[in-house]
Amino acid sequence: MRQKRFWSTRVPAHQHNRTPGHQNTSIIEHQCTTKESMEFERGKRIRIHLDIAPLIDIVLLLLIFFMLTSNFIMQPGIKITLPKAKTSKPQEEENIIVFITEDNKIFLNDREINIDELKVALEEKIKTAEKKIVILKADEKINLGLAVKVMDIAKEAKAENLVISTEIEHQSTSIIEHQSTRTPEHQ
């Protein structure tokens, strides 16, 4: 016959029948064999079930939120609307850029500058530049006199070449042909 052992545990009073006047906890004695007292429950693992559908919903909502808000954030820079030309060509390398905004503010490479300080600043930039090219990006609504004044300052600052930046004008689907017209004296 196996030897029996007793062991006891304290159990809160609300889990055990008690009579009035007893303490909040009571001792319950259990009887078990020696072999049973040495064994632990094996094979029972706690399995956690994680429902992934709500997690995917949250990730997609965050993705949509960031995609939408990134489009509405103003990009830093100078806002100008360039005039359009059919014969303009894109520049590969831009050296020194002078911006003139719609409200007649002048910027030299992203830094606002007064027209009186422009010549000195351009001379410094032209001295250190490989190609002494000044690119003028002026809004189409500015006063032409201001643009001419900036071009004169660039020439005085020893710019070898002055480029006026424009946007390529988008043509419609119909092709417009220019036909030479003959005057009556050429017939």
N, C-alpha and C. Protein backbone atom coordinates (compact mmCIF):
# COMPACT_ATOMS: atom_id res chain seq x y z
N MET A 1 0.83 -1.17 0.00
CA MET A 1 0.00 0.00 0.00
C MET A 1 0.88 1.24 0.00
N ARG A 2 0.45 2.20 -0.77
CA ARG A 2 1.21 3.45 -0.86
C ARG A 2 1.01 4.29 0.37
N GLN A 3 2.08 4.99 0.65
CA GLN A 3 2.01 5.88 1.81
C GLN A 3 1.26 7.14 1.40
N LYS A 4 0.38 7.60 2.23
CA LYS A 4 -0.41 8.78 1.92
C LYS A 4 0.14 9.96 2.68
N ARG A 5 0.14 11.08 2.00
CA ARG A 5 0.60 12.32 2.61
C ARG A 5 -0.54 13.30 2.65
N PHE A 6 -0.44 14.21 3.57
CA PHE A 6 -1.44 15.27 3.66
C PHE A 6 -0.75 16.60 3.35
N TRP A 7 -1.43 17.40 2.65
CA TRP A 7 -0.94 18.76 2.47
C TRP A 7 -2.11 19.71 2.60
N SER A 8 -1.79 20.93 2.91
CA SER A 8 -2.87 21.88 3.17
C SER A 8 -2.62 23.18 2.41
N THR A 9 -3.67 23.86 2.11
CA THR A 9 -3.59 25.18 1.46
C THR A 9 -4.56 26.12 2.14
N ARG A 10 -4.26 27.38 2.03
CA ARG A 10 -5.18 28.38 2.55
C ARG A 10 -6.07 28.84 1.41
N VAL A 11 -7.34 28.85 1.66
CA VAL A 11 -8.32 29.23 0.66
C VAL A 11 -9.11 30.40 1.21
N PRO A 12 -9.37 31.44 0.42
CA PRO A 12 -10.18 32.55 0.90
C PRO A 12 -11.55 32.07 1.34
N ALA A 13 -12.10 32.78 2.30
CA ALA A 13 -13.34 32.35 2.95
C ALA A 13 -14.51 32.29 1.98
N HIS A 14 -14.54 33.16 1.02
CA HIS A 14 -15.69 33.16 0.12
C HIS A 14 -15.70 31.94 -0.80
N GLN A 15 -14.57 31.21 -0.91
CA GLN A 15 -14.53 30.02 -1.73
C GLN A 15 -14.81 28.75 -0.91
N HIS A 16 -14.92 28.88 0.37
CA HIS A 16 -15.10 27.71 1.22
C HIS A 16 -16.26 27.98 2.17
N ASN A 17 -17.01 26.95 2.46
CA ASN A 17 -18.10 27.11 3.41
C ASN A 17 -17.51 27.36 4.79
N ARG A 18 -17.96 28.36 5.43
CA ARG A 18 -17.46 28.65 6.78
C ARG A 18 -18.61 29.03 7.67
N THR A 19 -18.37 28.85 8.88
CA THR A 19 -19.38 29.22 9.86
C THR A 19 -19.04 30.57 10.41
N PRO A 20 -20.03 31.32 10.90
CA PRO A 20 -19.74 32.65 11.43
C PRO A 20 -18.74 32.56 12.57
N GLY A 21 -17.85 33.55 12.59
CA GLY A 21 -16.86 33.59 13.66
C GLY A 21 -15.52 33.02 13.24
N HIS A 22 -15.43 32.34 12.09
CA HIS A 22 -14.15 31.81 11.62
C HIS A 22 -13.35 32.93 10.98
N GLN A 23 -12.06 32.66 10.78
CA GLN A 23 -11.20 33.65 10.11
C GLN A 23 -11.58 33.73 8.63
N ASN A 24 -11.00 34.72 7.97
CA ASN A 24 -11.29 34.90 6.55
C ASN A 24 -10.77 33.76 5.69
N THR A 25 -9.76 33.08 6.13
CA THR A 25 -9.24 31.96 5.35
C THR A 25 -9.37 30.70 6.19
N SER A 26 -9.50 29.60 5.53
CA SER A 26 -9.58 28.33 6.25
C SER A 26 -8.59 27.36 5.63
N ILE A 27 -8.23 26.36 6.36
CA ILE A 27 -7.27 25.38 5.89
C ILE A 27 -8.04 24.17 5.40
N ILE A 28 -7.75 23.78 4.19
CA ILE A 28 -8.37 22.60 3.61
C ILE A 28 -7.28 21.56 3.46
N GLU A 29 -7.51 20.42 3.99
CA GLU A 29 -6.51 19.36 3.89
C GLU A 29 -6.90 18.43 2.76
N HIS A 30 -5.91 18.12 1.98
CA HIS A 30 -6.10 17.20 0.86
C HIS A 30 -5.26 15.97 1.11
N GLN A 31 -5.75 14.87 0.67
CA GLN A 31 -5.03 13.63 0.83
C GLN A 31 -4.58 13.17 -0.55
N CYS A 32 -3.30 12.88 -0.68
CA CYS A 32 -2.81 12.41 -1.96
C CYS A 32 -1.64 11.47 -1.72
N THR A 33 -1.30 10.72 -2.72
CA THR A 33 -0.18 9.79 -2.59
C THR A 33 1.11 10.52 -2.81
N THR A 34 2.23 9.91 -2.43
CA THR A 34 3.54 10.54 -2.59
C THR A 34 3.84 10.80 -4.05
N LYS A 35 3.50 9.86 -4.90
CA LYS A 35 3.77 10.02 -6.32
C LYS A 35 2.99 11.20 -6.89
N GLU A 36 1.75 11.34 -6.48
CA GLU A 36 0.93 12.43 -6.97
C GLU A 36 1.44 13.78 -6.50
N SER A 37 1.99 13.82 -5.31
CA SER A 37 2.46 15.10 -4.79
C SER A 37 3.71 15.58 -5.50
N MET A 38 4.45 14.69 -6.14
CA MET A 38 5.69 15.06 -6.82
C MET A 38 5.46 15.43 -8.28
N GLU A 39 4.36 15.06 -8.83
CA GLU A 39 4.12 15.29 -10.24
C GLU A 39 3.47 16.67 -10.47
N PHE A 40 3.89 17.23 -11.57
CA PHE A 40 3.29 18.48 -12.02
C PHE A 40 2.44 18.17 -13.23
N GLU A 41 1.50 19.00 -13.47
CA GLU A 41 0.67 18.78 -14.64
C GLU A 41 1.48 19.10 -15.88
N ARG A 42 1.59 18.13 -16.75
CA ARG A 42 2.35 18.32 -17.98
C ARG A 42 1.41 18.22 -19.17
N GLY A 43 1.88 18.77 -20.27
CA GLY A 43 1.09 18.67 -21.48
C GLY A 43 0.02 19.74 -21.60
N LYS A 44 -0.27 20.40 -20.53
CA LYS A 44 -1.26 21.46 -20.59
C LYS A 44 -0.51 22.78 -20.78
N ARG A 45 -0.58 23.29 -21.95
CA ARG A 45 0.07 24.56 -22.24
C ARG A 45 -1.00 25.62 -22.43
N ILE A 46 -0.66 26.76 -22.01
CA ILE A 46 -1.60 27.87 -22.18
C ILE A 46 -1.49 28.33 -23.63
N ARG A 47 -2.57 28.32 -24.30
CA ARG A 47 -2.59 28.75 -25.69
C ARG A 47 -3.29 30.10 -25.77
N ILE A 48 -2.59 31.01 -26.39
CA ILE A 48 -3.14 32.34 -26.55
C ILE A 48 -3.63 32.46 -27.98
N HIS A 49 -4.85 32.85 -28.12
CA HIS A 49 -5.43 33.03 -29.45
C HIS A 49 -5.52 34.53 -29.72
N LEU A 50 -4.81 34.97 -30.73
CA LEU A 50 -4.81 36.38 -31.09
C LEU A 50 -5.60 36.54 -32.38
N ASP A 51 -6.68 37.25 -32.31
CA ASP A 51 -7.49 37.50 -33.50
C ASP A 51 -6.80 38.59 -34.30
N ILE A 52 -6.36 38.28 -35.51
CA ILE A 52 -5.55 39.20 -36.28
C ILE A 52 -6.38 40.15 -37.13
N ALA A 53 -7.64 39.89 -37.34
CA ALA A 53 -8.48 40.75 -38.18
C ALA A 53 -8.56 42.19 -37.65
N PRO A 54 -8.80 42.43 -36.36
CA PRO A 54 -8.82 43.82 -35.88
C PRO A 54 -7.46 44.49 -36.01
N LEU A 55 -6.39 43.72 -35.86
CA LEU A 55 -5.05 44.28 -36.00
C LEU A 55 -4.81 44.75 -37.43
N ILE A 56 -5.25 43.97 -38.39
CA ILE A 56 -5.11 44.36 -39.80
C ILE A 56 -5.95 45.60 -40.08
N ASP A 57 -7.15 45.68 -39.51
CA ASP A 57 -7.99 46.86 -39.69
C ASP A 57 -7.30 48.12 -39.18
N ILE A 58 -6.69 48.02 -38.02
CA ILE A 58 -6.01 49.18 -37.44
C ILE A 58 -4.82 49.60 -38.30
N VAL A 59 -4.04 48.64 -38.77
CA VAL A 59 -2.88 48.95 -39.61
C VAL A 59 -3.33 49.61 -40.90
N LEU A 60 -4.38 49.12 -41.51
CA LEU A 60 -4.87 49.73 -42.75
C LEU A 60 -5.40 51.14 -42.51
N LEU A 61 -6.10 51.35 -41.41
CA LEU A 61 -6.58 52.70 -41.10
C LEU A 61 -5.41 53.66 -40.89
N LEU A 62 -4.37 53.22 -40.20
CA LEU A 62 -3.20 54.07 -40.01
C LEU A 62 -2.52 54.37 -41.34
N LEU A 63 -2.42 53.37 -42.20
CA LEU A 63 -1.81 53.57 -43.51
C LEU A 63 -2.58 54.59 -44.32
N ILE A 64 -3.89 54.46 -44.36
CA ILE A 64 -4.73 55.42 -45.09
C ILE A 64 -4.60 56.81 -44.50
N PHE A 65 -4.59 56.91 -43.18
CA PHE A 65 -4.46 58.21 -42.52
C PHE A 65 -3.16 58.90 -42.92
N PHE A 66 -2.04 58.17 -42.87
CA PHE A 66 -0.76 58.78 -43.19
C PHE A 66 -0.64 59.10 -44.68
N MET A 67 -1.24 58.30 -45.53
CA MET A 67 -1.20 58.61 -46.95
C MET A 67 -1.98 59.88 -47.26
N LEU A 68 -3.12 60.04 -46.63
CA LEU A 68 -3.93 61.24 -46.89
C LEU A 68 -3.29 62.48 -46.30
N THR A 69 -2.77 62.39 -45.10
CA THR A 69 -2.19 63.59 -44.48
C THR A 69 -0.88 63.99 -45.14
N SER A 70 -0.15 63.06 -45.71
CA SER A 70 1.10 63.43 -46.35
C SER A 70 0.86 64.26 -47.61
N ASN A 71 -0.27 64.08 -48.26
CA ASN A 71 -0.59 64.87 -49.45
C ASN A 71 -0.99 66.30 -49.11
N PHE A 72 -1.53 66.52 -47.93
CA PHE A 72 -2.01 67.84 -47.57
C PHE A 72 -0.96 68.70 -46.87
N ILE A 73 0.17 68.15 -46.57
CA ILE A 73 1.23 68.92 -45.91
C ILE A 73 1.90 69.79 -46.96
N MET A 74 2.03 71.07 -46.67
CA MET A 74 2.67 71.99 -47.60
C MET A 74 4.15 71.69 -47.68
N GLN A 75 4.64 71.58 -48.88
CA GLN A 75 6.06 71.35 -49.07
C GLN A 75 6.79 72.67 -48.89
N PRO A 76 7.93 72.64 -48.18
CA PRO A 76 8.65 73.89 -47.99
C PRO A 76 9.23 74.35 -49.32
N GLY A 77 9.31 75.62 -49.48
CA GLY A 77 9.88 76.15 -50.71
C GLY A 77 9.22 77.46 -51.08
N ILE A 78 9.49 77.86 -52.28
CA ILE A 78 9.02 79.13 -52.78
C ILE A 78 7.94 78.85 -53.81
N LYS A 79 6.78 79.47 -53.62
CA LYS A 79 5.65 79.21 -54.51
C LYS A 79 5.64 80.23 -55.63
N ILE A 80 5.92 79.75 -56.84
CA ILE A 80 5.83 80.61 -58.01
C ILE A 80 5.17 79.83 -59.13
N THR A 81 4.55 80.54 -60.03
CA THR A 81 3.96 79.94 -61.22
C THR A 81 4.78 80.43 -62.41
N LEU A 82 5.50 79.52 -63.03
CA LEU A 82 6.37 79.91 -64.14
C LEU A 82 5.54 80.17 -65.39
N PRO A 83 5.99 81.11 -66.22
CA PRO A 83 5.31 81.30 -67.50
C PRO A 83 5.56 80.09 -68.40
N LYS A 84 4.69 79.89 -69.37
CA LYS A 84 4.79 78.72 -70.24
C LYS A 84 5.37 79.11 -71.60
N ALA A 85 6.17 78.21 -72.16
CA ALA A 85 6.74 78.43 -73.48
C ALA A 85 6.81 77.09 -74.21
N LYS A 86 6.60 77.13 -75.52
CA LYS A 86 6.63 75.89 -76.30
C LYS A 86 8.06 75.44 -76.58
N THR A 87 9.00 76.35 -76.58
CA THR A 87 10.38 76.01 -76.97
C THR A 87 11.31 75.82 -75.78
N SER A 88 10.80 75.76 -74.58
CA SER A 88 11.70 75.63 -73.42
C SER A 88 12.23 74.22 -73.31
N LYS A 89 13.46 74.10 -72.78
CA LYS A 89 14.10 72.81 -72.58
C LYS A 89 14.45 72.66 -71.11
N PRO A 90 14.29 71.46 -70.55
CA PRO A 90 14.65 71.27 -69.14
C PRO A 90 16.15 71.40 -68.92
N GLN A 91 16.54 72.03 -67.83
CA GLN A 91 17.95 72.19 -67.48
C GLN A 91 18.39 71.00 -66.65
N GLU A 92 19.55 70.44 -66.97
CA GLU A 92 20.05 69.29 -66.23
C GLU A 92 20.67 69.71 -64.90
N GLU A 93 21.44 70.77 -64.93
CA GLU A 93 22.12 71.19 -63.70
C GLU A 93 21.81 72.66 -63.45
N GLU A 94 21.37 72.96 -62.26
CA GLU A 94 21.05 74.33 -61.91
C GLU A 94 22.08 74.82 -60.91
N ASN A 95 22.71 75.92 -61.23
CA ASN A 95 23.75 76.43 -60.35
C ASN A 95 23.22 77.48 -59.39
N ILE A 96 23.01 78.64 -59.88
CA ILE A 96 22.58 79.77 -59.05
C ILE A 96 21.17 80.14 -59.51
N ILE A 97 20.23 80.09 -58.58
CA ILE A 97 18.83 80.34 -58.93
C ILE A 97 18.33 81.57 -58.19
N VAL A 98 17.76 82.48 -58.94
CA VAL A 98 17.12 83.66 -58.36
C VAL A 98 15.62 83.50 -58.59
N PHE A 99 14.86 83.50 -57.50
CA PHE A 99 13.41 83.38 -57.57
C PHE A 99 12.79 84.76 -57.35
N ILE A 100 11.74 85.06 -58.10
CA ILE A 100 10.93 86.25 -57.85
C ILE A 100 9.50 85.76 -57.69
N THR A 101 8.93 85.97 -56.52
CA THR A 101 7.58 85.48 -56.24
C THR A 101 6.53 86.46 -56.75
N GLU A 102 5.29 86.03 -56.67
CA GLU A 102 4.17 86.84 -57.14
C GLU A 102 4.07 88.16 -56.39
N ASP A 103 4.45 88.16 -55.12
CA ASP A 103 4.40 89.39 -54.33
C ASP A 103 5.74 90.13 -54.33
N ASN A 104 6.54 89.92 -55.39
CA ASN A 104 7.81 90.62 -55.67
C ASN A 104 8.88 90.42 -54.60
N LYS A 105 8.89 89.28 -53.94
CA LYS A 105 9.98 88.95 -53.03
C LYS A 105 11.05 88.22 -53.82
N ILE A 106 12.30 88.49 -53.50
CA ILE A 106 13.43 87.90 -54.22
C ILE A 106 14.12 86.90 -53.31
N PHE A 107 14.40 85.72 -53.86
CA PHE A 107 15.11 84.66 -53.13
C PHE A 107 16.33 84.26 -53.95
N LEU A 108 17.43 84.04 -53.26
CA LEU A 108 18.63 83.52 -53.90
C LEU A 108 18.89 82.14 -53.31
N ASN A 109 18.65 81.10 -54.11
CA ASN A 109 18.80 79.70 -53.65
C ASN A 109 18.11 79.48 -52.30
N ASP A 110 16.83 79.67 -52.22
CA ASP A 110 15.98 79.41 -51.05
C ASP A 110 16.16 80.41 -49.90
N ARG A 111 16.95 81.45 -50.07
CA ARG A 111 17.14 82.44 -49.00
C ARG A 111 16.61 83.78 -49.49
N GLU A 112 15.69 84.35 -48.70
CA GLU A 112 15.12 85.64 -49.10
C GLU A 112 16.19 86.72 -48.98
N ILE A 113 16.21 87.59 -49.97
CA ILE A 113 17.25 88.62 -50.02
C ILE A 113 16.65 89.92 -50.54
N ASN A 114 17.20 91.02 -50.09
CA ASN A 114 16.78 92.34 -50.53
C ASN A 114 17.43 92.62 -51.89
N ILE A 115 16.77 93.40 -52.73
CA ILE A 115 17.33 93.69 -54.06
C ILE A 115 18.66 94.44 -53.97
N ASP A 116 18.82 95.23 -52.89
CA ASP A 116 20.08 95.97 -52.73
C ASP A 116 21.24 95.04 -52.38
N GLU A 117 20.97 93.92 -51.73
CA GLU A 117 22.01 92.96 -51.34
C GLU A 117 22.25 91.90 -52.40
N LEU A 118 21.43 91.89 -53.45
CA LEU A 118 21.49 90.82 -54.45
C LEU A 118 22.81 90.80 -55.21
N LYS A 119 23.33 91.96 -55.58
CA LYS A 119 24.56 92.00 -56.38
C LYS A 119 25.73 91.39 -55.62
N VAL A 120 25.91 91.76 -54.36
CA VAL A 120 27.02 91.24 -53.55
C VAL A 120 26.87 89.73 -53.37
N ALA A 121 25.66 89.29 -53.08
CA ALA A 121 25.42 87.85 -52.87
C ALA A 121 25.65 87.06 -54.16
N LEU A 122 25.22 87.62 -55.29
CA LEU A 122 25.44 86.95 -56.57
C LEU A 122 26.93 86.88 -56.91
N GLU A 123 27.67 87.95 -56.65
CA GLU A 123 29.11 87.93 -56.92
C GLU A 123 29.81 86.83 -56.12
N GLU A 124 29.43 86.65 -54.86
CA GLU A 124 30.02 85.60 -54.03
C GLU A 124 29.68 84.21 -54.58
N LYS A 125 28.43 84.01 -54.98
CA LYS A 125 28.01 82.71 -55.52
C LYS A 125 28.70 82.42 -56.85
N ILE A 126 28.83 83.44 -57.70
CA ILE A 126 29.43 83.25 -59.02
C ILE A 126 30.91 82.92 -58.90
N LYS A 127 31.60 83.52 -57.93
CA LYS A 127 33.03 83.24 -57.73
C LYS A 127 33.28 81.77 -57.41
N THR A 128 32.40 81.15 -56.64
CA THR A 128 32.61 79.76 -56.21
C THR A 128 31.96 78.73 -57.13
N ALA A 129 31.15 79.15 -58.08
CA ALA A 129 30.42 78.21 -58.95
C ALA A 129 31.31 77.74 -60.10
N GLU A 130 31.12 76.46 -60.51
CA GLU A 130 31.85 75.93 -61.66
C GLU A 130 31.38 76.63 -62.93
N LYS A 131 30.08 76.54 -63.16
CA LYS A 131 29.50 77.22 -64.32
C LYS A 131 28.85 78.49 -63.80
N LYS A 132 29.21 79.57 -64.38
CA LYS A 132 28.72 80.86 -63.91
C LYS A 132 27.40 81.20 -64.60
N ILE A 133 26.41 80.34 -64.34
CA ILE A 133 25.09 80.49 -64.94
C ILE A 133 24.11 80.90 -63.85
N VAL A 134 23.34 81.94 -64.12
CA VAL A 134 22.29 82.39 -63.21
C VAL A 134 20.96 82.06 -63.86
N ILE A 135 20.13 81.35 -63.11
CA ILE A 135 18.81 80.97 -63.61
C ILE A 135 17.78 81.84 -62.90
N LEU A 136 16.95 82.50 -63.67
CA LEU A 136 15.91 83.37 -63.13
C LEU A 136 14.58 82.63 -63.22
N LYS A 137 13.98 82.37 -62.07
CA LYS A 137 12.66 81.75 -62.01
C LYS A 137 11.71 82.78 -61.43
N ALA A 138 10.99 83.44 -62.31
CA ALA A 138 10.10 84.51 -61.90
C ALA A 138 8.66 84.11 -62.16
N ASP A 139 7.78 84.49 -61.24
CA ASP A 139 6.36 84.22 -61.40
C ASP A 139 5.85 84.98 -62.62
N GLU A 140 4.89 84.38 -63.32
CA GLU A 140 4.38 85.01 -64.54
C GLU A 140 3.62 86.30 -64.28
N LYS A 141 3.24 86.56 -63.03
CA LYS A 141 2.43 87.73 -62.71
C LYS A 141 3.26 88.90 -62.17
N ILE A 142 4.59 88.79 -62.17
CA ILE A 142 5.40 89.87 -61.59
C ILE A 142 5.52 91.04 -62.57
N ASN A 143 5.99 92.13 -62.03
CA ASN A 143 6.27 93.32 -62.82
C ASN A 143 7.51 93.04 -63.67
N LEU A 144 7.43 93.28 -64.96
CA LEU A 144 8.54 93.01 -65.86
C LEU A 144 9.76 93.87 -65.53
N GLY A 145 9.53 95.06 -65.01
CA GLY A 145 10.64 95.93 -64.64
C GLY A 145 11.53 95.32 -63.57
N LEU A 146 10.94 94.63 -62.61
CA LEU A 146 11.72 93.97 -61.56
C LEU A 146 12.57 92.85 -62.14
N ALA A 147 12.01 92.09 -63.08
CA ALA A 147 12.77 91.00 -63.71
C ALA A 147 13.95 91.56 -64.50
N VAL A 148 13.75 92.65 -65.21
CA VAL A 148 14.84 93.27 -65.98
C VAL A 148 15.91 93.79 -65.03
N LYS A 149 15.51 94.37 -63.91
CA LYS A 149 16.47 94.87 -62.93
C LYS A 149 17.31 93.73 -62.36
N VAL A 150 16.69 92.58 -62.07
CA VAL A 150 17.43 91.42 -61.56
C VAL A 150 18.39 90.88 -62.63
N MET A 151 17.96 90.89 -63.90
CA MET A 151 18.86 90.44 -64.97
C MET A 151 20.06 91.37 -65.11
N ASP A 152 19.84 92.68 -64.98
CA ASP A 152 20.96 93.63 -65.03
C ASP A 152 21.93 93.39 -63.88
N ILE A 153 21.41 93.14 -62.69
CA ILE A 153 22.26 92.88 -61.52
C ILE A 153 23.08 91.61 -61.75
N ALA A 154 22.49 90.59 -62.35
CA ALA A 154 23.21 89.34 -62.63
C ALA A 154 24.34 89.57 -63.62
N LYS A 155 24.12 90.40 -64.64
CA LYS A 155 25.18 90.71 -65.61
C LYS A 155 26.29 91.52 -64.95
N GLU A 156 25.93 92.46 -64.07
CA GLU A 156 26.94 93.25 -63.35
C GLU A 156 27.76 92.38 -62.40
N ALA A 157 27.16 91.29 -61.91
CA ALA A 157 27.85 90.40 -60.99
C ALA A 157 28.73 89.39 -61.73
N LYS A 158 28.91 89.58 -63.02
CA LYS A 158 29.80 88.76 -63.86
C LYS A 158 29.23 87.37 -64.16
N ALA A 159 27.92 87.27 -64.31
CA ALA A 159 27.33 86.00 -64.73
C ALA A 159 27.62 85.82 -66.22
N GLU A 160 28.16 84.65 -66.59
CA GLU A 160 28.48 84.40 -67.99
C GLU A 160 27.23 84.13 -68.82
N ASN A 161 26.23 83.55 -68.19
CA ASN A 161 25.02 83.20 -68.91
C ASN A 161 23.82 83.43 -67.98
N LEU A 162 22.75 83.95 -68.54
CA LEU A 162 21.53 84.18 -67.78
C LEU A 162 20.41 83.40 -68.45
N VAL A 163 19.76 82.53 -67.69
CA VAL A 163 18.70 81.68 -68.22
C VAL A 163 17.40 82.06 -67.53
N ILE A 164 16.36 82.26 -68.34
CA ILE A 164 15.04 82.54 -67.78
C ILE A 164 14.26 81.23 -67.81
N SER A 165 13.82 80.79 -66.67
CA SER A 165 13.15 79.49 -66.54
C SER A 165 11.67 79.62 -66.89
N THR A 166 11.19 78.65 -67.68
CA THR A 166 9.78 78.58 -68.03
C THR A 166 9.33 77.13 -67.92
N GLU A 167 8.02 76.93 -67.96
CA GLU A 167 7.46 75.58 -68.01
C GLU A 167 7.09 75.27 -69.44
N ILE A 168 7.13 73.98 -69.78
CA ILE A 168 6.72 73.57 -71.12
C ILE A 168 5.20 73.65 -71.20
N GLU A 169 4.74 74.34 -72.23
CA GLU A 169 3.30 74.49 -72.41
C GLU A 169 2.74 73.19 -72.96
N HIS A 170 1.71 72.67 -72.32
CA HIS A 170 1.11 71.42 -72.76
C HIS A 170 0.24 71.68 -73.97
N GLN A 171 0.50 70.91 -75.04
CA GLN A 171 -0.29 71.09 -76.26
C GLN A 171 -1.51 70.20 -76.20
N SER A 172 -2.56 70.63 -76.87
CA SER A 172 -3.76 69.82 -76.93
C SER A 172 -3.54 68.68 -77.93
N THR A 173 -4.51 67.78 -78.04
CA THR A 173 -4.34 66.62 -78.91
C THR A 173 -4.34 66.98 -80.39
N SER A 174 -4.94 68.09 -80.73
CA SER A 174 -4.94 68.48 -82.14
C SER A 174 -3.61 69.14 -82.48
N ILE A 175 -3.12 68.87 -83.68
CA ILE A 175 -1.84 69.41 -84.11
C ILE A 175 -2.11 70.69 -84.88
N ILE A 176 -1.41 71.72 -84.49
CA ILE A 176 -1.56 73.01 -85.15
C ILE A 176 -0.36 73.18 -86.08
N GLU A 177 -0.63 73.35 -87.35
CA GLU A 177 0.45 73.52 -88.30
C GLU A 177 0.53 74.99 -88.69
N HIS A 178 1.75 75.45 -88.79
CA HIS A 178 1.96 76.81 -89.25
C HIS A 178 2.26 76.74 -90.75
N GLN A 179 1.40 77.36 -91.54
CA GLN A 179 1.62 77.37 -92.98
C GLN A 179 2.12 78.75 -93.36
N SER A 180 3.05 78.73 -94.27
CA SER A 180 3.55 80.02 -94.72
C SER A 180 2.52 80.61 -95.67
N THR A 181 2.24 81.84 -95.46
CA THR A 181 1.25 82.51 -96.32
C THR A 181 2.00 83.30 -97.37
N ARG A 182 1.49 83.26 -98.57
CA ARG A 182 2.12 84.00 -99.65
C ARG A 182 1.41 85.34 -99.82
N THR A 183 2.20 86.29 -99.96
CA THR A 183 1.63 87.61 -100.22
C THR A 183 1.42 87.74 -101.72
N PRO A 184 0.56 88.64 -102.14
CA PRO A 184 0.28 88.78 -103.58
C PRO A 184 1.53 89.06 -104.41
N GLU A 185 2.55 89.70 -103.85
CA GLU A 185 3.73 90.02 -104.66
C GLU A 185 4.58 88.78 -104.93
N HIS A 186 4.45 87.67 -104.13
CA HIS A 186 5.22 86.46 -104.36
C HIS A 186 4.53 85.51 -105.32
N GLN A 187 3.33 85.78 -105.74
CA GLN A 187 2.61 84.85 -106.62
C GLN A 187 2.98 85.02 -108.04
